[in-house]
Full PDB file with SEQRES, HELIX, SHEET, SSBOND, CRYST1, ORIGX, SCALE, CONECT and MASTER records, all heavy atoms in Angstrom:
SEQRES   1 A   34  GLN SER ASP ALA LEU MET GLU VAL ALA SER GLY SER VAL          
SEQRES   2 A   34  ASP ALA CYS VAL ILE ASP ILE THR MET ALA ASN ALA MET          
SEQRES   3 A   34  THR GLY GLU GLY THR SER TYR ALA                              
HELIX    1 AA1 SER A    2  SER A   10  1                                   9    
HELIX    2 AA2 ILE A   20  MET A   26  1                                   7    
CRYST1    1.000    1.000    1.000  90.00  90.00  90.00 P 1           1          
ORIGX1      1.000000  0.000000  0.000000        0.00000                         
ORIGX2      0.000000  1.000000  0.000000        0.00000                         
ORIGX3      0.000000  0.000000  1.000000        0.00000                         
SCALE1      1.000000  0.000000  0.000000        0.00000                         
SCALE2      0.000000  1.000000  0.000000        0.00000                         
SCALE3      0.000000  0.000000  1.000000        0.00000                         
ATOM      1  N   GLN A   1      47.759  81.096 -81.243  1.00  0.00           N  
ATOM      2  CA  GLN A   1      46.699  80.084 -81.270  1.00  0.00           C  
ATOM      3  C   GLN A   1      45.438  80.542 -80.526  1.00  0.00           C  
ATOM      4  O   GLN A   1      44.314  80.229 -80.923  1.00  0.00           O  
ATOM      5  CB  GLN A   1      47.217  78.764 -80.688  1.00  0.00           C  
ATOM      6  CG  GLN A   1      48.292  78.104 -81.527  1.00  0.00           C  
ATOM      7  CD  GLN A   1      48.574  76.710 -81.053  1.00  0.00           C  
ATOM      8  OE1 GLN A   1      47.737  75.814 -81.193  1.00  0.00           O  
ATOM      9  NE2 GLN A   1      49.756  76.487 -80.518  1.00  0.00           N  
ATOM     10  N   SER A   2      45.655  81.275 -79.455  1.00  0.00           N  
ATOM     11  CA  SER A   2      44.502  81.780 -78.695  1.00  0.00           C  
ATOM     12  C   SER A   2      43.680  82.744 -79.564  1.00  0.00           C  
ATOM     13  O   SER A   2      42.444  82.781 -79.422  1.00  0.00           O  
ATOM     14  CB  SER A   2      44.979  82.500 -77.423  1.00  0.00           C  
ATOM     15  OG  SER A   2      45.942  83.484 -77.727  1.00  0.00           O  
ATOM     16  N   ASP A   3      44.344  83.485 -80.428  1.00  0.00           N  
ATOM     17  CA  ASP A   3      43.619  84.361 -81.360  1.00  0.00           C  
ATOM     18  C   ASP A   3      42.791  83.577 -82.366  1.00  0.00           C  
ATOM     19  O   ASP A   3      41.701  83.943 -82.768  1.00  0.00           O  
ATOM     20  CB  ASP A   3      44.589  85.255 -82.132  1.00  0.00           C  
ATOM     21  CG  ASP A   3      45.302  86.268 -81.213  1.00  0.00           C  
ATOM     22  OD1 ASP A   3      44.741  86.616 -80.157  1.00  0.00           O  
ATOM     23  OD2 ASP A   3      46.419  86.673 -81.594  1.00  0.00           O  
ATOM     24  N   ALA A   4      43.344  82.407 -82.761  1.00  0.00           N  
ATOM     25  CA  ALA A   4      42.652  81.550 -83.715  1.00  0.00           C  
ATOM     26  C   ALA A   4      41.321  81.030 -83.068  1.00  0.00           C  
ATOM     27  O   ALA A   4      40.284  80.983 -83.744  1.00  0.00           O  
ATOM     28  CB  ALA A   4      43.512  80.381 -84.109  1.00  0.00           C  
ATOM     29  N   LEU A   5      41.362  80.687 -81.802  1.00  0.00           N  
ATOM     30  CA  LEU A   5      40.168  80.268 -81.108  1.00  0.00           C  
ATOM     31  C   LEU A   5      39.136  81.396 -81.048  1.00  0.00           C  
ATOM     32  O   LEU A   5      37.933  81.174 -81.268  1.00  0.00           O  
ATOM     33  CB  LEU A   5      40.488  79.807 -79.690  1.00  0.00           C  
ATOM     34  CG  LEU A   5      40.995  78.374 -79.508  1.00  0.00           C  
ATOM     35  CD1 LEU A   5      41.422  78.154 -78.054  1.00  0.00           C  
ATOM     36  CD2 LEU A   5      39.927  77.372 -79.906  1.00  0.00           C  
ATOM     37  N   MET A   6      39.593  82.615 -80.784  1.00  0.00           N  
ATOM     38  CA  MET A   6      38.690  83.757 -80.701  1.00  0.00           C  
ATOM     39  C   MET A   6      38.012  84.015 -82.060  1.00  0.00           C  
ATOM     40  O   MET A   6      36.853  84.405 -82.120  1.00  0.00           O  
ATOM     41  CB  MET A   6      39.435  84.984 -80.238  1.00  0.00           C  
ATOM     42  CG  MET A   6      39.780  84.969 -78.765  1.00  0.00           C  
ATOM     43  SD  MET A   6      40.369  86.574 -78.142  1.00  0.00           S  
ATOM     44  CE  MET A   6      41.997  86.639 -78.848  1.00  0.00           C  
ATOM     45  N   GLU A   7      38.753  83.793 -83.155  1.00  0.00           N  
ATOM     46  CA  GLU A   7      38.178  83.971 -84.487  1.00  0.00           C  
ATOM     47  C   GLU A   7      37.007  83.009 -84.713  1.00  0.00           C  
ATOM     48  O   GLU A   7      35.967  83.371 -85.276  1.00  0.00           O  
ATOM     49  CB  GLU A   7      39.236  83.807 -85.579  1.00  0.00           C  
ATOM     50  CG  GLU A   7      40.319  84.867 -85.569  1.00  0.00           C  
ATOM     51  CD  GLU A   7      39.832  86.238 -85.970  1.00  0.00           C  
ATOM     52  OE1 GLU A   7      38.816  86.350 -86.683  1.00  0.00           O  
ATOM     53  OE2 GLU A   7      40.430  87.241 -85.536  1.00  0.00           O  
ATOM     54  N   VAL A   8      37.195  81.777 -84.276  1.00  0.00           N  
ATOM     55  CA  VAL A   8      36.116  80.776 -84.426  1.00  0.00           C  
ATOM     56  C   VAL A   8      34.927  81.165 -83.559  1.00  0.00           C  
ATOM     57  O   VAL A   8      33.777  81.119 -83.995  1.00  0.00           O  
ATOM     58  CB  VAL A   8      36.615  79.363 -84.060  1.00  0.00           C  
ATOM     59  CG1 VAL A   8      35.480  78.347 -84.192  1.00  0.00           C  
ATOM     60  CG2 VAL A   8      37.802  78.958 -84.897  1.00  0.00           C  
ATOM     61  N   ALA A   9      35.186  81.553 -82.300  1.00  0.00           N  
ATOM     62  CA  ALA A   9      34.115  81.917 -81.392  1.00  0.00           C  
ATOM     63  C   ALA A   9      33.330  83.122 -81.876  1.00  0.00           C  
ATOM     64  O   ALA A   9      32.104  83.198 -81.694  1.00  0.00           O  
ATOM     65  CB  ALA A   9      34.690  82.183 -79.999  1.00  0.00           C  
ATOM     66  N   SER A  10      34.004  84.047 -82.582  1.00  0.00           N  
ATOM     67  CA  SER A  10      33.324  85.244 -83.088  1.00  0.00           C  
ATOM     68  C   SER A  10      32.519  84.978 -84.357  1.00  0.00           C  
ATOM     69  O   SER A  10      31.712  85.788 -84.773  1.00  0.00           O  
ATOM     70  CB  SER A  10      34.346  86.337 -83.362  1.00  0.00           C  
ATOM     71  OG  SER A  10      35.127  86.025 -84.512  1.00  0.00           O  
ATOM     72  N   GLY A  11      32.808  83.826 -84.996  1.00  0.00           N  
ATOM     73  CA  GLY A  11      32.094  83.487 -86.216  1.00  0.00           C  
ATOM     74  C   GLY A  11      32.736  84.029 -87.481  1.00  0.00           C  
ATOM     75  O   GLY A  11      32.183  83.883 -88.589  1.00  0.00           O  
ATOM     76  N   SER A  12      33.941  84.613 -87.365  1.00  0.00           N  
ATOM     77  CA  SER A  12      34.581  85.178 -88.555  1.00  0.00           C  
ATOM     78  C   SER A  12      35.180  84.071 -89.446  1.00  0.00           C  
ATOM     79  O   SER A  12      35.430  84.303 -90.642  1.00  0.00           O  
ATOM     80  CB  SER A  12      35.673  86.148 -88.143  1.00  0.00           C  
ATOM     81  OG  SER A  12      36.712  85.495 -87.421  1.00  0.00           O  
ATOM     82  N   VAL A  13      35.416  82.884 -88.847  1.00  0.00           N  
ATOM     83  CA  VAL A  13      35.853  81.721 -89.621  1.00  0.00           C  
ATOM     84  C   VAL A  13      35.102  80.522 -89.125  1.00  0.00           C  
ATOM     85  O   VAL A  13      34.467  80.554 -88.047  1.00  0.00           O  
ATOM     86  CB  VAL A  13      37.367  81.468 -89.493  1.00  0.00           C  
ATOM     87  CG1 VAL A  13      38.192  82.601 -90.084  1.00  0.00           C  
ATOM     88  CG2 VAL A  13      37.761  81.229 -88.016  1.00  0.00           C  
ATOM     89  N   ASP A  14      35.116  79.434 -89.912  1.00  0.00           N  
ATOM     90  CA  ASP A  14      34.388  78.218 -89.510  1.00  0.00           C  
ATOM     91  C   ASP A  14      35.137  77.418 -88.500  1.00  0.00           C  
ATOM     92  O   ASP A  14      34.516  76.732 -87.658  1.00  0.00           O  
ATOM     93  CB  ASP A  14      34.174  77.352 -90.757  1.00  0.00           C  
ATOM     94  CG  ASP A  14      33.311  78.033 -91.836  1.00  0.00           C  
ATOM     95  OD1 ASP A  14      32.317  78.666 -91.462  1.00  0.00           O  
ATOM     96  OD2 ASP A  14      33.697  77.935 -93.000  1.00  0.00           O  
ATOM     97  N   ALA A  15      36.468  77.418 -88.575  1.00  0.00           N  
ATOM     98  CA  ALA A  15      37.253  76.540 -87.743  1.00  0.00           C  
ATOM     99  C   ALA A  15      38.678  77.078 -87.574  1.00  0.00           C  
ATOM    100  O   ALA A  15      39.052  78.066 -88.233  1.00  0.00           O  
ATOM    101  CB  ALA A  15      37.294  75.117 -88.370  1.00  0.00           C  
ATOM    102  N   CYS A  16      39.424  76.453 -86.724  1.00  0.00           N  
ATOM    103  CA  CYS A  16      40.866  76.764 -86.591  1.00  0.00           C  
ATOM    104  C   CYS A  16      41.617  75.458 -86.420  1.00  0.00           C  
ATOM    105  O   CYS A  16      41.070  74.417 -86.085  1.00  0.00           O  
ATOM    106  CB  CYS A  16      41.121  77.705 -85.416  1.00  0.00           C  
ATOM    107  SG  CYS A  16      40.787  77.004 -83.770  1.00  0.00           S  
ATOM    108  N   VAL A  17      42.950  75.560 -86.700  1.00  0.00           N  
ATOM    109  CA  VAL A  17      43.814  74.392 -86.470  1.00  0.00           C  
ATOM    110  C   VAL A  17      44.785  74.823 -85.380  1.00  0.00           C  
ATOM    111  O   VAL A  17      45.551  75.773 -85.533  1.00  0.00           O  
ATOM    112  CB  VAL A  17      44.573  74.021 -87.756  1.00  0.00           C  
ATOM    113  CG1 VAL A  17      45.519  72.853 -87.463  1.00  0.00           C  
ATOM    114  CG2 VAL A  17      43.570  73.616 -88.829  1.00  0.00           C  
ATOM    115  N   ILE A  18      44.764  74.108 -84.257  1.00  0.00           N  
ATOM    116  CA  ILE A  18      45.607  74.393 -83.101  1.00  0.00           C  
ATOM    117  C   ILE A  18      46.149  73.100 -82.496  1.00  0.00           C  
ATOM    118  O   ILE A  18      45.722  71.990 -82.897  1.00  0.00           O  
ATOM    119  CB  ILE A  18      44.858  75.173 -82.003  1.00  0.00           C  
ATOM    120  CG1 ILE A  18      43.678  74.382 -81.452  1.00  0.00           C  
ATOM    121  CG2 ILE A  18      44.361  76.526 -82.561  1.00  0.00           C  
ATOM    122  CD1 ILE A  18      42.994  75.024 -80.259  1.00  0.00           C  
ATOM    123  N   ASP A  19      47.034  73.210 -81.536  1.00  0.00           N  
ATOM    124  CA  ASP A  19      47.566  72.046 -80.844  1.00  0.00           C  
ATOM    125  C   ASP A  19      46.472  71.389 -79.989  1.00  0.00           C  
ATOM    126  O   ASP A  19      45.662  72.085 -79.364  1.00  0.00           O  
ATOM    127  CB  ASP A  19      48.730  72.446 -79.929  1.00  0.00           C  
ATOM    128  CG  ASP A  19      49.962  72.860 -80.723  1.00  0.00           C  
ATOM    129  OD1 ASP A  19      49.813  73.218 -81.889  1.00  0.00           O  
ATOM    130  OD2 ASP A  19      51.054  72.820 -80.113  1.00  0.00           O  
ATOM    131  N   ILE A  20      46.475  70.084 -79.942  1.00  0.00           N  
ATOM    132  CA  ILE A  20      45.511  69.346 -79.135  1.00  0.00           C  
ATOM    133  C   ILE A  20      45.619  69.701 -77.657  1.00  0.00           C  
ATOM    134  O   ILE A  20      44.641  69.679 -76.912  1.00  0.00           O  
ATOM    135  CB  ILE A  20      45.597  67.835 -79.388  1.00  0.00           C  
ATOM    136  CG1 ILE A  20      44.316  67.133 -78.842  1.00  0.00           C  
ATOM    137  CG2 ILE A  20      46.843  67.240 -78.757  1.00  0.00           C  
ATOM    138  CD1 ILE A  20      44.227  65.704 -79.254  1.00  0.00           C  
ATOM    139  N   THR A  21      46.855  70.022 -77.235  1.00  0.00           N  
ATOM    140  CA  THR A  21      47.027  70.359 -75.824  1.00  0.00           C  
ATOM    141  C   THR A  21      46.208  71.617 -75.469  1.00  0.00           C  
ATOM    142  O   THR A  21      45.546  71.661 -74.422  1.00  0.00           O  
ATOM    143  CB  THR A  21      48.518  70.648 -75.512  1.00  0.00           C  
ATOM    144  OG1 THR A  21      49.041  71.503 -76.510  1.00  0.00           O  
ATOM    145  CG2 THR A  21      49.309  69.359 -75.496  1.00  0.00           C  
ATOM    146  N   MET A  22      46.204  72.606 -76.337  1.00  0.00           N  
ATOM    147  CA  MET A  22      45.402  73.800 -76.118  1.00  0.00           C  
ATOM    148  C   MET A  22      43.939  73.487 -76.299  1.00  0.00           C  
ATOM    149  O   MET A  22      43.075  73.924 -75.507  1.00  0.00           O  
ATOM    150  CB  MET A  22      45.793  74.938 -77.046  1.00  0.00           C  
ATOM    151  CG  MET A  22      44.859  76.158 -76.932  1.00  0.00           C  
ATOM    152  SD  MET A  22      45.343  77.582 -77.964  1.00  0.00           S  
ATOM    153  CE  MET A  22      46.539  78.345 -76.865  1.00  0.00           C  
ATOM    154  N   ALA A  23      43.573  72.730 -77.283  1.00  0.00           N  
ATOM    155  CA  ALA A  23      42.188  72.376 -77.545  1.00  0.00           C  
ATOM    156  C   ALA A  23      41.556  71.636 -76.355  1.00  0.00           C  
ATOM    157  O   ALA A  23      40.451  71.956 -75.952  1.00  0.00           O  
ATOM    158  CB  ALA A  23      42.070  71.522 -78.802  1.00  0.00           C  
ATOM    159  N   ASN A  24      42.306  70.734 -75.761  1.00  0.00           N  
ATOM    160  CA  ASN A  24      41.799  69.973 -74.579  1.00  0.00           C  
ATOM    161  C   ASN A  24      41.618  70.893 -73.382  1.00  0.00           C  
ATOM    162  O   ASN A  24      40.660  70.706 -72.589  1.00  0.00           O  
ATOM    163  CB  ASN A  24      42.756  68.855 -74.225  1.00  0.00           C  
ATOM    164  CG  ASN A  24      42.688  67.695 -75.188  1.00  0.00           C  
ATOM    165  OD1 ASN A  24      41.664  67.504 -75.865  1.00  0.00           O  
ATOM    166  ND2 ASN A  24      43.746  66.917 -75.271  1.00  0.00           N  
ATOM    167  N   ALA A  25      42.521  71.883 -73.261  1.00  0.00           N  
ATOM    168  CA  ALA A  25      42.468  72.751 -72.081  1.00  0.00           C  
ATOM    169  C   ALA A  25      41.441  73.877 -72.192  1.00  0.00           C  
ATOM    170  O   ALA A  25      40.888  74.328 -71.189  1.00  0.00           O  
ATOM    171  CB  ALA A  25      43.849  73.386 -71.857  1.00  0.00           C  
ATOM    172  N   MET A  26      41.099  74.290 -73.426  1.00  0.00           N  
ATOM    173  CA  MET A  26      40.335  75.507 -73.593  1.00  0.00           C  
ATOM    174  C   MET A  26      38.985  75.329 -74.291  1.00  0.00           C  
ATOM    175  O   MET A  26      38.259  76.303 -74.487  1.00  0.00           O  
ATOM    176  CB  MET A  26      41.153  76.548 -74.351  1.00  0.00           C  
ATOM    177  CG  MET A  26      42.393  76.983 -73.581  1.00  0.00           C  
ATOM    178  SD  MET A  26      43.242  78.395 -74.350  1.00  0.00           S  
ATOM    179  CE  MET A  26      42.030  79.711 -74.116  1.00  0.00           C  
ATOM    180  N   THR A  27      38.644  74.097 -74.721  1.00  0.00           N  
ATOM    181  CA  THR A  27      37.352  73.913 -75.350  1.00  0.00           C  
ATOM    182  C   THR A  27      36.545  72.795 -74.653  1.00  0.00           C  
ATOM    183  O   THR A  27      37.139  71.957 -73.991  1.00  0.00           O  
ATOM    184  CB  THR A  27      37.511  73.536 -76.872  1.00  0.00           C  
ATOM    185  OG1 THR A  27      38.109  72.236 -76.968  1.00  0.00           O  
ATOM    186  CG2 THR A  27      38.380  74.554 -77.593  1.00  0.00           C  
ATOM    187  N   GLY A  28      35.235  72.857 -74.836  1.00  0.00           N  
ATOM    188  CA  GLY A  28      34.383  71.854 -74.220  1.00  0.00           C  
ATOM    189  C   GLY A  28      33.792  72.324 -72.914  1.00  0.00           C  
ATOM    190  O   GLY A  28      34.095  73.431 -72.416  1.00  0.00           O  
ATOM    191  N   GLU A  29      32.978  71.509 -72.331  1.00  0.00           N  
ATOM    192  CA  GLU A  29      32.220  71.851 -71.109  1.00  0.00           C  
ATOM    193  C   GLU A  29      33.193  72.274 -69.973  1.00  0.00           C  
ATOM    194  O   GLU A  29      34.190  71.639 -69.696  1.00  0.00           O  
ATOM    195  CB  GLU A  29      31.419  70.643 -70.644  1.00  0.00           C  
ATOM    196  CG  GLU A  29      30.508  70.925 -69.481  1.00  0.00           C  
ATOM    197  CD  GLU A  29      29.644  69.741 -69.106  1.00  0.00           C  
ATOM    198  OE1 GLU A  29      29.635  68.741 -69.898  1.00  0.00           O  
ATOM    199  OE2 GLU A  29      28.984  69.768 -68.045  1.00  0.00           O  
ATOM    200  N   GLY A  30      32.834  73.406 -69.339  1.00  0.00           N  
ATOM    201  CA  GLY A  30      33.604  73.894 -68.210  1.00  0.00           C  
ATOM    202  C   GLY A  30      34.830  74.691 -68.575  1.00  0.00           C  
ATOM    203  O   GLY A  30      35.645  75.018 -67.701  1.00  0.00           O  
ATOM    204  N   THR A  31      34.997  75.018 -69.875  1.00  0.00           N  
ATOM    205  CA  THR A  31      36.202  75.754 -70.315  1.00  0.00           C  
ATOM    206  C   THR A  31      35.788  77.131 -70.812  1.00  0.00           C  
ATOM    207  O   THR A  31      34.626  77.493 -70.845  1.00  0.00           O  
ATOM    208  CB  THR A  31      36.921  75.013 -71.420  1.00  0.00           C  
ATOM    209  OG1 THR A  31      36.116  75.031 -72.639  1.00  0.00           O  
ATOM    210  CG2 THR A  31      37.191  73.559 -71.051  1.00  0.00           C  
ATOM    211  N   SER A  32      36.789  77.885 -71.306  1.00  0.00           N  
ATOM    212  CA  SER A  32      36.528  79.206 -71.847  1.00  0.00           C  
ATOM    213  C   SER A  32      35.699  79.215 -73.128  1.00  0.00           C  
ATOM    214  O   SER A  32      35.054  80.156 -73.456  1.00  0.00           O  
ATOM    215  CB  SER A  32      37.870  79.920 -72.122  1.00  0.00           C  
ATOM    216  OG  SER A  32      38.676  79.999 -70.982  1.00  0.00           O  
ATOM    217  N   TYR A  33      35.774  78.079 -73.832  1.00  0.00           N  
ATOM    218  CA  TYR A  33      35.019  77.935 -75.094  1.00  0.00           C  
ATOM    219  C   TYR A  33      34.189  76.685 -75.064  1.00  0.00           C  
ATOM    220  O   TYR A  33      34.448  75.694 -75.748  1.00  0.00           O  
ATOM    221  CB  TYR A  33      36.009  77.916 -76.283  1.00  0.00           C  
ATOM    222  CG  TYR A  33      36.802  79.168 -76.462  1.00  0.00           C  
ATOM    223  CD1 TYR A  33      38.088  79.293 -75.900  1.00  0.00           C  
ATOM    224  CD2 TYR A  33      36.268  80.248 -77.125  1.00  0.00           C  
ATOM    225  CE1 TYR A  33      38.825  80.464 -76.081  1.00  0.00           C  
ATOM    226  CE2 TYR A  33      36.984  81.433 -77.294  1.00  0.00           C  
ATOM    227  CZ  TYR A  33      38.256  81.542 -76.741  1.00  0.00           C  
ATOM    228  OH  TYR A  33      38.976  82.700 -76.897  1.00  0.00           O  
ATOM    229  N   ALA A  34      33.145  76.710 -74.212  1.00  0.00           N  
ATOM    230  CA  ALA A  34      32.311  75.535 -73.983  1.00  0.00           C  
ATOM    231  C   ALA A  34      31.570  75.102 -75.232  1.00  0.00           C  
ATOM    232  O   ALA A  34      31.227  73.905 -75.364  1.00  0.00           O  
ATOM    233  CB  ALA A  34      31.285  75.871 -72.888  1.00  0.00           C  
TER     234      ALA A  34                                                      
MASTER        0    0    0    2    0    0    0    6  233    1    0    3          
END                                                                             
């Protein structure tokens, strides 16, 4: 799932589907994927 996030951040895909637990922890303000 962490690779899926990196693909979105790099622009190689439009979006990813991951667990909300990871999405809450790793996206948004103050996270690795702000």
